[in-house]
Amino acid sequence: MKMTKENEMKIIKVEGLLDLVNYNEESVVSRTIIDKLVGTVTLFAFDKGQGLSEHSAPYDALVIILEGEAEISIARVPYRLKKDQMIIMPANVPHALRAIDRYKMLLIMIRSE
């Protein structure tokens, strides 16, 4: 079977997830890993004390803490998450994020009709 450009598998290289984004002092750093019509995968690094103010998104989002500690408020209810923990932020529900300690997280947003 001949593979066309549209269905050709592209394997660039195996990389360590934590190495794909670095901390910057007093900053939030992000790197988009996948950006498709059906959703996005974004890696974040939050320096201690940094965060994202309350906002909402029209799609469900899964947050996975890769290292460090975060406070994620959903509908103004705070949740403390540490390495290897996850939480789902429901669509259209206000949420905010704050770094208790510097942390890295993976955000997976799934778009729906």
PDB file of N, CA and C in Angstrom:
ATOM      1  N   MET A   1       0.837  -1.173   0.000  1.00  0.00           N
ATOM      2  CA  MET A   1       0.000   0.000   0.000  1.00  0.00           C
ATOM      3  C   MET A   1       0.886   1.242   0.000  1.00  0.00           C
ATOM      4  N   LYS A   2       0.593   2.135  -0.900  1.00  0.00           N
ATOM      5  CA  LYS A   2       1.360   3.367  -0.994  1.00  0.00           C
ATOM      6  C   LYS A   2       0.729   4.429  -0.093  1.00  0.00           C
ATOM      7  N   MET A   3       1.548   5.093   0.718  1.00  0.00           N
ATOM      8  CA  MET A   3       1.045   6.111   1.635  1.00  0.00           C
ATOM      9  C   MET A   3       1.100   7.469   0.946  1.00  0.00           C
ATOM     10  N   THR A   4      -0.001   8.192   1.041  1.00  0.00           N
ATOM     11  CA  THR A   4      -0.030   9.545   0.492  1.00  0.00           C
ATOM     12  C   THR A   4       0.421  10.523   1.562  1.00  0.00           C
ATOM     13  N   LYS A   5       0.646  11.746   1.164  1.00  0.00           N
ATOM     14  CA  LYS A   5       1.089  12.777   2.098  1.00  0.00           C
ATOM     15  C   LYS A   5       0.064  13.002   3.207  1.00  0.00           C
ATOM     16  N   GLU A   6      -1.241  12.879   2.907  1.00  0.00           N
ATOM     17  CA  GLU A   6      -2.299  13.115   3.888  1.00  0.00           C
ATOM     18  C   GLU A   6      -2.305  12.074   5.002  1.00  0.00           C
ATOM     19  N   ASN A   7      -1.998  10.808   4.686  1.00  0.00           N
ATOM     20  CA  ASN A   7      -2.084   9.773   5.713  1.00  0.00           C
ATOM     21  C   ASN A   7      -0.719   9.246   6.158  1.00  0.00           C
ATOM     22  N   GLU A   8       0.324   9.905   5.735  1.00  0.00           N
ATOM     23  CA  GLU A   8       1.672   9.507   6.104  1.00  0.00           C
ATOM     24  C   GLU A   8       1.902   9.731   7.599  1.00  0.00           C
ATOM     25  N   MET A   9       2.407   8.716   8.275  1.00  0.00           N
ATOM     26  CA  MET A   9       2.709   8.847   9.693  1.00  0.00           C
ATOM     27  C   MET A   9       4.028   9.596   9.849  1.00  0.00           C
ATOM     28  N   LYS A  10       4.018  10.565  10.739  1.00  0.00           N
ATOM     29  CA  LYS A  10       5.229  11.339  10.975  1.00  0.00           C
ATOM     30  C   LYS A  10       5.679  11.139  12.414  1.00  0.00           C
ATOM     31  N   ILE A  11       6.777  10.465  12.575  1.00  0.00           N
ATOM     32  CA  ILE A  11       7.373  10.287  13.892  1.00  0.00           C
ATOM     33  C   ILE A  11       8.679  11.057  13.871  1.00  0.00           C
ATOM     34  N   ILE A  12       8.717  12.140  14.627  1.00  0.00           N
ATOM     35  CA  ILE A  12       9.896  12.990  14.618  1.00  0.00           C
ATOM     36  C   ILE A  12      10.941  12.427  15.554  1.00  0.00           C
ATOM     37  N   LYS A  13      10.586  12.335  16.850  1.00  0.00           N
ATOM     38  CA  LYS A  13      11.480  11.714  17.821  1.00  0.00           C
ATOM     39  C   LYS A  13      10.742  11.576  19.145  1.00  0.00           C
ATOM     40  N   VAL A  14      11.235  10.722  19.978  1.00  0.00           N
ATOM     41  CA  VAL A  14      10.688  10.552  21.315  1.00  0.00           C
ATOM     42  C   VAL A  14      11.304  11.633  22.195  1.00  0.00           C
ATOM     43  N   GLU A  15      10.450  12.342  22.951  1.00  0.00           N
ATOM     44  CA  GLU A  15      10.942  13.413  23.809  1.00  0.00           C
ATOM     45  C   GLU A  15      10.355  13.276  25.197  1.00  0.00           C
ATOM     46  N   GLY A  16      11.089  13.749  26.183  1.00  0.00           N
ATOM     47  CA  GLY A  16      10.579  13.799  27.544  1.00  0.00           C
ATOM     48  C   GLY A  16       9.612  14.967  27.671  1.00  0.00           C
ATOM     49  N   LEU A  17       8.416  14.702  28.133  1.00  0.00           N
ATOM     50  CA  LEU A  17       7.374  15.720  28.215  1.00  0.00           C
ATOM     51  C   LEU A  17       7.808  16.916  29.064  1.00  0.00           C
ATOM     52  N   LEU A  18       8.417  16.674  30.202  1.00  0.00           N
ATOM     53  CA  LEU A  18       8.833  17.759  31.090  1.00  0.00           C
ATOM     54  C   LEU A  18       9.919  18.640  30.488  1.00  0.00           C
ATOM     55  N   ASP A  19      10.651  18.104  29.524  1.00  0.00           N
ATOM     56  CA  ASP A  19      11.735  18.866  28.899  1.00  0.00           C
ATOM     57  C   ASP A  19      11.260  19.789  27.781  1.00  0.00           C
ATOM     58  N   LEU A  20       9.990  19.688  27.400  1.00  0.00           N
ATOM     59  CA  LEU A  20       9.487  20.472  26.277  1.00  0.00           C
ATOM     60  C   LEU A  20       9.148  21.915  26.631  1.00  0.00           C
ATOM     61  N   VAL A  21       9.063  22.227  27.928  1.00  0.00           N
ATOM     62  CA  VAL A  21       8.782  23.599  28.366  1.00  0.00           C
ATOM     63  C   VAL A  21       9.581  23.861  29.636  1.00  0.00           C
ATOM     64  N   ASN A  22      10.146  25.064  29.739  1.00  0.00           N
ATOM     65  CA  ASN A  22      10.962  25.431  30.893  1.00  0.00           C
ATOM     66  C   ASN A  22      10.302  26.549  31.687  1.00  0.00           C
ATOM     67  N   TYR A  23      10.639  26.620  32.952  1.00  0.00           N
ATOM     68  CA  TYR A  23      10.152  27.700  33.801  1.00  0.00           C
ATOM     69  C   TYR A  23      10.878  29.002  33.455  1.00  0.00           C
ATOM     70  N   ASN A  24      10.160  30.113  33.536  1.00  0.00           N
ATOM     71  CA  ASN A  24      10.742  31.448  33.470  1.00  0.00           C
ATOM     72  C   ASN A  24      10.294  32.188  34.717  1.00  0.00           C
ATOM     73  N   GLU A  25      11.190  32.976  35.304  1.00  0.00           N
ATOM     74  CA  GLU A  25      10.863  33.714  36.515  1.00  0.00           C
ATOM     75  C   GLU A  25       9.646  34.591  36.321  1.00  0.00           C
ATOM     76  N   GLU A  26       8.743  34.508  37.291  1.00  0.00           N
ATOM     77  CA  GLU A  26       7.529  35.331  37.319  1.00  0.00           C
ATOM     78  C   GLU A  26       6.724  35.258  36.027  1.00  0.00           C
ATOM     79  N   SER A  27       6.672  34.071  35.429  1.00  0.00           N
ATOM     80  CA  SER A  27       5.984  33.916  34.139  1.00  0.00           C
ATOM     81  C   SER A  27       5.205  32.618  34.067  1.00  0.00           C
ATOM     82  N   VAL A  28       4.304  32.592  33.102  1.00  0.00           N
ATOM     83  CA  VAL A  28       3.624  31.372  32.680  1.00  0.00           C
ATOM     84  C   VAL A  28       4.092  31.115  31.254  1.00  0.00           C
ATOM     85  N   VAL A  29       4.604  29.929  31.014  1.00  0.00           N
ATOM     86  CA  VAL A  29       5.118  29.560  29.696  1.00  0.00           C
ATOM     87  C   VAL A  29       4.239  28.442  29.144  1.00  0.00           C
ATOM     88  N   SER A  30       3.894  28.530  27.863  1.00  0.00           N
ATOM     89  CA  SER A  30       3.093  27.467  27.260  1.00  0.00           C
ATOM     90  C   SER A  30       3.702  27.034  25.937  1.00  0.00           C
ATOM     91  N   ARG A  31       3.414  25.792  25.595  1.00  0.00           N
ATOM     92  CA  ARG A  31       3.862  25.249  24.310  1.00  0.00           C
ATOM     93  C   ARG A  31       2.771  24.331  23.782  1.00  0.00           C
ATOM     94  N   THR A  32       2.263  24.642  22.619  1.00  0.00           N
ATOM     95  CA  THR A  32       1.235  23.816  21.999  1.00  0.00           C
ATOM     96  C   THR A  32       1.891  22.588  21.387  1.00  0.00           C
ATOM     97  N   ILE A  33       1.363  21.429  21.750  1.00  0.00           N
ATOM     98  CA  ILE A  33       1.893  20.159  21.255  1.00  0.00           C
ATOM     99  C   ILE A  33       1.060  19.695  20.053  1.00  0.00           C
ATOM    100  N   ILE A  34      -0.277  19.800  20.179  1.00  0.00           N
ATOM    101  CA  ILE A  34      -1.199  19.428  19.105  1.00  0.00           C
ATOM    102  C   ILE A  34      -2.264  20.514  19.008  1.00  0.00           C
ATOM    103  N   ASP A  35      -2.568  20.919  17.792  1.00  0.00           N
ATOM    104  CA  ASP A  35      -3.626  21.909  17.565  1.00  0.00           C
ATOM    105  C   ASP A  35      -4.433  21.453  16.348  1.00  0.00           C
ATOM    106  N   LYS A  36      -5.557  20.820  16.629  1.00  0.00           N
ATOM    107  CA  LYS A  36      -6.420  20.276  15.573  1.00  0.00           C
ATOM    108  C   LYS A  36      -7.838  20.793  15.758  1.00  0.00           C
ATOM    109  N   LEU A  37      -8.676  20.595  14.765  1.00  0.00           N
ATOM    110  CA  LEU A  37     -10.074  21.008  14.859  1.00  0.00           C
ATOM    111  C   LEU A  37     -10.792  20.339  16.028  1.00  0.00           C
ATOM    112  N   VAL A  38     -10.425  19.112  16.348  1.00  0.00           N
ATOM    113  CA  VAL A  38     -11.107  18.363  17.409  1.00  0.00           C
ATOM    114  C   VAL A  38     -10.592  18.688  18.807  1.00  0.00           C
ATOM    115  N   GLY A  39      -9.459  19.368  18.903  1.00  0.00           N
ATOM    116  CA  GLY A  39      -8.942  19.724  20.219  1.00  0.00           C
ATOM    117  C   GLY A  39      -7.477  20.104  20.203  1.00  0.00           C
ATOM    118  N   THR A  40      -7.012  20.467  21.397  1.00  0.00           N
ATOM    119  CA  THR A  40      -5.615  20.882  21.539  1.00  0.00           C
ATOM    120  C   THR A  40      -4.976  20.181  22.739  1.00  0.00           C
ATOM    121  N   VAL A  41      -3.671  20.068  22.666  1.00  0.00           N
ATOM    122  CA  VAL A  41      -2.857  19.589  23.783  1.00  0.00           C
ATOM    123  C   VAL A  41      -1.777  20.646  23.995  1.00  0.00           C
ATOM    124  N   THR A  42      -1.742  21.224  25.206  1.00  0.00           N
ATOM    125  CA  THR A  42      -0.804  22.305  25.500  1.00  0.00           C
ATOM    126  C   THR A  42      -0.092  22.010  26.809  1.00  0.00           C
ATOM    127  N   LEU A  43       1.206  22.234  26.801  1.00  0.00           N
ATOM    128  CA  LEU A  43       2.040  22.050  27.980  1.00  0.00           C
ATOM    129  C   LEU A  43       2.308  23.420  28.592  1.00  0.00           C
ATOM    130  N   PHE A  44       2.181  23.533  29.918  1.00  0.00           N
ATOM    131  CA  PHE A  44       2.395  24.794  30.623  1.00  0.00           C
ATOM    132  C   PHE A  44       3.437  24.632  31.725  1.00  0.00           C
ATOM    133  N   ALA A  45       4.171  25.708  31.996  1.00  0.00           N
ATOM    134  CA  ALA A  45       5.063  25.805  33.159  1.00  0.00           C
ATOM    135  C   ALA A  45       4.727  27.108  33.875  1.00  0.00           C
ATOM    136  N   PHE A  46       4.290  27.021  35.126  1.00  0.00           N
ATOM    137  CA  PHE A  46       3.919  28.178  35.938  1.00  0.00           C
ATOM    138  C   PHE A  46       4.976  28.390  37.007  1.00  0.00           C
ATOM    139  N   ASP A  47       5.543  29.572  37.089  1.00  0.00           N
ATOM    140  CA  ASP A  47       6.447  29.893  38.187  1.00  0.00           C
ATOM    141  C   ASP A  47       5.612  30.086  39.449  1.00  0.00           C
ATOM    142  N   LYS A  48       6.224  29.920  40.611  1.00  0.00           N
ATOM    143  CA  LYS A  48       5.520  30.052  41.886  1.00  0.00           C
ATOM    144  C   LYS A  48       4.785  31.393  41.952  1.00  0.00           C
ATOM    145  N   GLY A  49       3.504  31.337  42.358  1.00  0.00           N
ATOM    146  CA  GLY A  49       2.702  32.537  42.505  1.00  0.00           C
ATOM    147  C   GLY A  49       2.019  33.009  41.232  1.00  0.00           C
ATOM    148  N   GLN A  50       2.388  32.442  40.099  1.00  0.00           N
ATOM    149  CA  GLN A  50       1.791  32.851  38.820  1.00  0.00           C
ATOM    150  C   GLN A  50       0.490  32.090  38.578  1.00  0.00           C
ATOM    151  N   GLY A  51      -0.337  32.599  37.694  1.00  0.00           N
ATOM    152  CA  GLY A  51      -1.589  31.915  37.420  1.00  0.00           C
ATOM    153  C   GLY A  51      -2.314  32.482  36.228  1.00  0.00           C
ATOM    154  N   LEU A  52      -3.524  31.993  36.048  1.00  0.00           N
ATOM    155  CA  LEU A  52      -4.430  32.485  35.025  1.00  0.00           C
ATOM    156  C   LEU A  52      -5.693  32.919  35.741  1.00  0.00           C
ATOM    157  N   SER A  53      -6.138  34.133  35.480  1.00  0.00           N
ATOM    158  CA  SER A  53      -7.328  34.661  36.150  1.00  0.00           C
ATOM    159  C   SER A  53      -8.577  33.901  35.684  1.00  0.00           C
ATOM    160  N   GLU A  54      -9.642  34.102  36.427  1.00  0.00           N
ATOM    161  CA  GLU A  54     -10.875  33.377  36.154  1.00  0.00           C
ATOM    162  C   GLU A  54     -11.372  33.638  34.726  1.00  0.00           C
ATOM    163  N   HIS A  55     -11.707  32.563  34.062  1.00  0.00           N
ATOM    164  CA  HIS A  55     -12.220  32.612  32.696  1.00  0.00           C
ATOM    165  C   HIS A  55     -12.998  31.323  32.454  1.00  0.00           C
ATOM    166  N   SER A  56     -13.627  31.208  31.321  1.00  0.00           N
ATOM    167  CA  SER A  56     -14.300  29.955  30.973  1.00  0.00           C
ATOM    168  C   SER A  56     -13.969  29.624  29.524  1.00  0.00           C
ATOM    169  N   ALA A  57     -14.210  28.379  29.173  1.00  0.00           N
ATOM    170  CA  ALA A  57     -13.962  27.909  27.807  1.00  0.00           C
ATOM    171  C   ALA A  57     -15.202  27.139  27.351  1.00  0.00           C
ATOM    172  N   PRO A  58     -15.468  27.145  26.078  1.00  0.00           N
ATOM    173  CA  PRO A  58     -16.680  26.476  25.588  1.00  0.00           C
ATOM    174  C   PRO A  58     -16.551  24.949  25.487  1.00  0.00           C
ATOM    175  N   TYR A  59     -15.421  24.397  25.921  1.00  0.00           N
ATOM    176  CA  TYR A  59     -15.173  22.964  25.798  1.00  0.00           C
ATOM    177  C   TYR A  59     -14.642  22.401  27.110  1.00  0.00           C
ATOM    178  N   ASP A  60     -14.878  21.110  27.349  1.00  0.00           N
ATOM    179  CA  ASP A  60     -14.289  20.439  28.498  1.00  0.00           C
ATOM    180  C   ASP A  60     -12.770  20.440  28.357  1.00  0.00           C
ATOM    181  N   ALA A  61     -12.092  20.527  29.504  1.00  0.00           N
ATOM    182  CA  ALA A  61     -10.626  20.514  29.497  1.00  0.00           C
ATOM    183  C   ALA A  61     -10.127  19.599  30.614  1.00  0.00           C
ATOM    184  N   LEU A  62      -9.168  18.782  30.288  1.00  0.00           N
ATOM    185  CA  LEU A  62      -8.535  17.890  31.250  1.00  0.00           C
ATOM    186  C   LEU A  62      -7.169  18.464  31.595  1.00  0.00           C
ATOM    187  N   VAL A  63      -6.903  18.642  32.892  1.00  0.00           N
ATOM    188  CA  VAL A  63      -5.612  19.131  33.360  1.00  0.00           C
ATOM    189  C   VAL A  63      -4.916  18.004  34.102  1.00  0.00           C
ATOM    190  N   ILE A  64      -3.658  17.744  33.740  1.00  0.00           N
ATOM    191  CA  ILE A  64      -2.836  16.742  34.409  1.00  0.00           C
ATOM    192  C   ILE A  64      -1.608  17.457  34.960  1.00  0.00           C
ATOM    193  N   ILE A  65      -1.394  17.370  36.270  1.00  0.00           N
ATOM    194  CA  ILE A  65      -0.229  17.985  36.899  1.00  0.00           C
ATOM    195  C   ILE A  65       0.958  17.043  36.730  1.00  0.00           C
ATOM    196  N   LEU A  66       2.027  17.544  36.132  1.00  0.00           N
ATOM    197  CA  LEU A  66       3.208  16.731  35.847  1.00  0.00           C
ATOM    198  C   LEU A  66       4.268  16.844  36.930  1.00  0.00           C
ATOM    199  N   GLU A  67       4.342  18.024  37.571  1.00  0.00           N
ATOM    200  CA  GLU A  67       5.240  18.229  38.715  1.00  0.00           C
ATOM    201  C   GLU A  67       4.797  19.488  39.442  1.00  0.00           C
ATOM    202  N   GLY A  68       5.153  19.593  40.721  1.00  0.00           N
ATOM    203  CA  GLY A  68       4.812  20.773  41.496  1.00  0.00           C
ATOM    204  C   GLY A  68       3.422  20.697  42.101  1.00  0.00           C
ATOM    205  N   GLU A  69       2.885  21.884  42.456  1.00  0.00           N
ATOM    206  CA  GLU A  69       1.584  21.946  43.119  1.00  0.00           C
ATOM    207  C   GLU A  69       0.804  23.171  42.652  1.00  0.00           C
ATOM    208  N   ALA A  70      -0.486  22.958  42.369  1.00  0.00           N
ATOM    209  CA  ALA A  70      -1.342  24.024  41.847  1.00  0.00           C
ATOM    210  C   ALA A  70      -2.650  24.090  42.616  1.00  0.00           C
ATOM    211  N   GLU A  71      -3.249  25.275  42.576  1.00  0.00           N
ATOM    212  CA  GLU A  71      -4.620  25.422  43.037  1.00  0.00           C
ATOM    213  C   GLU A  71      -5.452  25.766  41.815  1.00  0.00           C
ATOM    214  N   ILE A  72      -6.448  24.941  41.554  1.00  0.00           N
ATOM    215  CA  ILE A  72      -7.353  25.168  40.433  1.00  0.00           C
ATOM    216  C   ILE A  72      -8.742  25.370  41.018  1.00  0.00           C
ATOM    217  N   SER A  73      -9.305  26.533  40.746  1.00  0.00           N
ATOM    218  CA  SER A  73     -10.655  26.836  41.222  1.00  0.00           C
ATOM    219  C   SER A  73     -11.630  26.632  40.070  1.00  0.00           C
ATOM    220  N   ILE A  74     -12.679  25.885  40.351  1.00  0.00           N
ATOM    221  CA  ILE A  74     -13.731  25.647  39.376  1.00  0.00           C
ATOM    222  C   ILE A  74     -15.034  26.094  40.022  1.00  0.00           C
ATOM    223  N   ALA A  75     -15.716  27.043  39.404  1.00  0.00           N
ATOM    224  CA  ALA A  75     -16.926  27.647  39.975  1.00  0.00           C
ATOM    225  C   ALA A  75     -16.628  28.170  41.382  1.00  0.00           C
ATOM    226  N   ARG A  76     -15.425  28.740  41.537  1.00  0.00           N
ATOM    227  CA  ARG A  76     -14.938  29.342  42.783  1.00  0.00           C
ATOM    228  C   ARG A  76     -14.731  28.355  43.927  1.00  0.00           C
ATOM    229  N   VAL A  77     -14.679  27.067  43.610  1.00  0.00           N
ATOM    230  CA  VAL A  77     -14.340  26.036  44.595  1.00  0.00           C
ATOM    231  C   VAL A  77     -12.882  25.652  44.336  1.00  0.00           C
ATOM    232  N   PRO A  78     -11.975  25.859  45.332  1.00  0.00           N
ATOM    233  CA  PRO A  78     -10.557  25.560  45.107  1.00  0.00           C
ATOM    234  C   PRO A  78     -10.229  24.067  45.283  1.00  0.00           C
ATOM    235  N   TYR A  79      -9.352  23.583  44.410  1.00  0.00           N
ATOM    236  CA  TYR A  79      -8.850  22.206  44.476  1.00  0.00           C
ATOM    237  C   TYR A  79      -7.333  22.283  44.417  1.00  0.00           C
ATOM    238  N   ARG A  80      -6.656  21.577  45.342  1.00  0.00           N
ATOM    239  CA  ARG A  80      -5.189  21.515  45.328  1.00  0.00           C
ATOM    240  C   ARG A  80      -4.776  20.243  44.625  1.00  0.00           C
ATOM    241  N   LEU A  81      -3.926  20.400  43.644  1.00  0.00           N
ATOM    242  CA  LEU A  81      -3.459  19.245  42.885  1.00  0.00           C
ATOM    243  C   LEU A  81      -1.942  19.176  42.916  1.00  0.00           C
ATOM    244  N   LYS A  82      -1.440  17.951  42.984  1.00  0.00           N
ATOM    245  CA  LYS A  82      -0.005  17.691  42.975  1.00  0.00           C
ATOM    246  C   LYS A  82       0.324  16.745  41.824  1.00  0.00           C
ATOM    247  N   LYS A  83       1.603  16.468  41.687  1.00  0.00           N
ATOM    248  CA  LYS A  83       2.112  15.583  40.633  1.00  0.00           C
ATOM    249  C   LYS A  83       1.249  14.328  40.503  1.00  0.00           C
ATOM    250  N   ASP A  84       0.954  13.981  39.256  1.00  0.00           N
ATOM    251  CA  ASP A  84       0.199  12.773  38.892  1.00  0.00           C
ATOM    252  C   ASP A  84      -1.292  12.859  39.211  1.00  0.00           C
ATOM    253  N   GLN A  85      -1.794  14.055  39.561  1.00  0.00           N
ATOM    254  CA  GLN A  85      -3.231  14.206  39.771  1.00  0.00           C
ATOM    255  C   GLN A  85      -3.832  14.954  38.585  1.00  0.00           C
ATOM    256  N   MET A  86      -5.132  14.767  38.405  1.00  0.00           N
ATOM    257  CA  MET A  86      -5.824  15.385  37.284  1.00  0.00           C
ATOM    258  C   MET A  86      -7.183  15.896  37.733  1.00  0.00           C
ATOM    259  N   ILE A  87      -7.734  16.800  36.922  1.00  0.00           N
ATOM    260  CA  ILE A  87      -9.070  17.322  37.162  1.00  0.00           C
ATOM    261  C   ILE A  87      -9.672  17.706  35.814  1.00  0.00           C
ATOM    262  N   ILE A  88     -10.986  17.599  35.725  1.00  0.00           N
ATOM    263  CA  ILE A  88     -11.682  18.028  34.515  1.00  0.00           C
ATOM    264  C   ILE A  88     -12.346  19.368  34.802  1.00  0.00           C
ATOM    265  N   MET A  89     -12.085  20.326  33.940  1.00  0.00           N
ATOM    266  CA  MET A  89     -12.740  21.630  34.022  1.00  0.00           C
ATOM    267  C   MET A  89     -13.871  21.600  32.993  1.00  0.00           C
ATOM    268  N   PRO A  90     -15.127  21.576  33.467  1.00  0.00           N
ATOM    269  CA  PRO A  90     -16.258  21.457  32.542  1.00  0.00           C
ATOM    270  C   PRO A  90     -16.424  22.686  31.644  1.00  0.00           C
ATOM    271  N   ALA A  91     -16.977  22.459  30.487  1.00  0.00           N
ATOM    272  CA  ALA A  91     -17.245  23.541  29.541  1.00  0.00           C
ATOM    273  C   ALA A  91     -18.142  24.600  30.166  1.00  0.00           C
ATOM    274  N   ASN A  92     -17.843  25.854  29.852  1.00  0.00           N
ATOM    275  CA  ASN A  92     -18.649  27.009  30.248  1.00  0.00           C
ATOM    276  C   ASN A  92     -18.732  27.261  31.751  1.00  0.00           C
ATOM    277  N   VAL A  93     -17.868  26.631  32.535  1.00  0.00           N
ATOM    278  CA  VAL A  93     -17.823  26.860  33.977  1.00  0.00           C
ATOM    279  C   VAL A  93     -16.563  27.676  34.278  1.00  0.00           C
ATOM    280  N   PRO A  94     -16.691  28.804  34.961  1.00  0.00           N
ATOM    281  CA  PRO A  94     -15.506  29.626  35.249  1.00  0.00           C
ATOM    282  C   PRO A  94     -14.465  28.856  36.070  1.00  0.00           C
ATOM    283  N   HIS A  95     -13.194  29.069  35.698  1.00  0.00           N
ATOM    284  CA  HIS A  95     -12.100  28.429  36.420  1.00  0.00           C
ATOM    285  C   HIS A  95     -10.892  29.362  36.428  1.00  0.00           C
ATOM    286  N   ALA A  96     -10.010  29.141  37.392  1.00  0.00           N
ATOM    287  CA  ALA A  96      -8.771  29.918  37.516  1.00  0.00           C
ATOM    288  C   ALA A  96      -7.677  28.979  37.998  1.00  0.00           C
ATOM    289  N   LEU A  97      -6.419  29.341  37.713  1.00  0.00           N
ATOM    290  CA  LEU A  97      -5.284  28.507  38.107  1.00  0.00           C
ATOM    291  C   LEU A  97      -4.239  29.368  38.800  1.00  0.00           C
ATOM    292  N   ARG A  98      -3.601  28.795  39.841  1.00  0.00           N
ATOM    293  CA  ARG A  98      -2.561  29.516  40.574  1.00  0.00           C
ATOM    294  C   ARG A  98      -1.500  28.523  41.022  1.00  0.00           C
ATOM    295  N   ALA A  99      -0.242  28.919  40.896  1.00  0.00           N
ATOM    296  CA  ALA A  99       0.870  28.065  41.297  1.00  0.00           C
ATOM    297  C   ALA A  99       1.153  28.233  42.780  1.00  0.00           C
ATOM    298  N   ILE A 100       0.883  27.199  43.573  1.00  0.00           N
ATOM    299  CA  ILE A 100       1.272  27.192  44.980  1.00  0.00           C
ATOM    300  C   ILE A 100       2.789  27.054  45.046  1.00  0.00           C
ATOM    301  N   ASP A 101       3.299  26.155  44.226  1.00  0.00           N
ATOM    302  CA  ASP A 101       4.727  25.983  43.983  1.00  0.00           C
ATOM    303  C   ASP A 101       4.842  25.937  42.462  1.00  0.00           C
ATOM    304  N   ARG A 102       6.010  26.204  41.919  1.00  0.00           N
ATOM    305  CA  ARG A 102       6.096  26.126  40.458  1.00  0.00           C
ATOM    306  C   ARG A 102       5.648  24.742  40.016  1.00  0.00           C
ATOM    307  N   TYR A 103       4.915  24.719  38.908  1.00  0.00           N
ATOM    308  CA  TYR A 103       4.404  23.435  38.440  1.00  0.00           C
ATOM    309  C   TYR A 103       4.292  23.420  36.920  1.00  0.00           C
ATOM    310  N   LYS A 104       4.258  22.190  36.411  1.00  0.00           N
ATOM    311  CA  LYS A 104       4.027  21.971  34.982  1.00  0.00           C
ATOM    312  C   LYS A 104       2.756  21.145  34.842  1.00  0.00           C
ATOM    313  N   MET A 105       1.984  21.485  33.817  1.00  0.00           N
ATOM    314  CA  MET A 105       0.742  20.756  33.586  1.00  0.00           C
ATOM    315  C   MET A 105       0.524  20.542  32.098  1.00  0.00           C
ATOM    316  N   LEU A 106      -0.238  19.521  31.810  1.00  0.00           N
ATOM    317  CA  LEU A 106      -0.663  19.235  30.458  1.00  0.00           C
ATOM    318  C   LEU A 106      -2.153  19.532  30.385  1.00  0.00           C
ATOM    319  N   LEU A 107      -2.555  20.362  29.428  1.00  0.00           N
ATOM    320  CA  LEU A 107      -3.955  20.716  29.228  1.00  0.00           C
ATOM    321  C   LEU A 107      -4.434  20.075  27.937  1.00  0.00           C
ATOM    322  N   ILE A 108      -5.476  19.269  28.061  1.00  0.00           N
ATOM    323  CA  ILE A 108      -6.067  18.605  26.898  1.00  0.00           C
ATOM    324  C   ILE A 108      -7.486  19.129  26.768  1.00  0.00           C
ATOM    325  N   MET A 109      -7.735  19.853  25.683  1.00  0.00           N
ATOM    326  CA  MET A 109      -9.054  20.426  25.457  1.00  0.00           C
ATOM    327  C   MET A 109      -9.717  19.679  24.310  1.00  0.00           C
ATOM    328  N   ILE A 110     -10.908  19.153  24.581  1.00  0.00           N
ATOM    329  CA  ILE A 110     -11.651  18.399  23.577  1.00  0.00           C
ATOM    330  C   ILE A 110     -12.820  19.252  23.107  1.00  0.00           C
ATOM    331  N   ARG A 111     -12.858  19.531  21.831  1.00  0.00           N
ATOM    332  CA  ARG A 111     -13.952  20.334  21.265  1.00  0.00           C
ATOM    333  C   ARG A 111     -15.110  19.419  20.900  1.00  0.00           C
ATOM    334  N   SER A 112     -16.311  19.922  21.062  1.00  0.00           N
ATOM    335  CA  SER A 112     -17.494  19.137  20.702  1.00  0.00           C
ATOM    336  C   SER A 112     -18.439  20.025  19.900  1.00  0.00           C
ATOM    337  N   GLU A 113     -19.413  19.415  19.297  1.00  0.00           N
ATOM    338  CA  GLU A 113     -20.373  20.173  18.473  1.00  0.00           C
ATOM    339  C   GLU A 113     -21.369  20.900  19.324  1.00  0.00           C
TER     340      GLU A 113
END
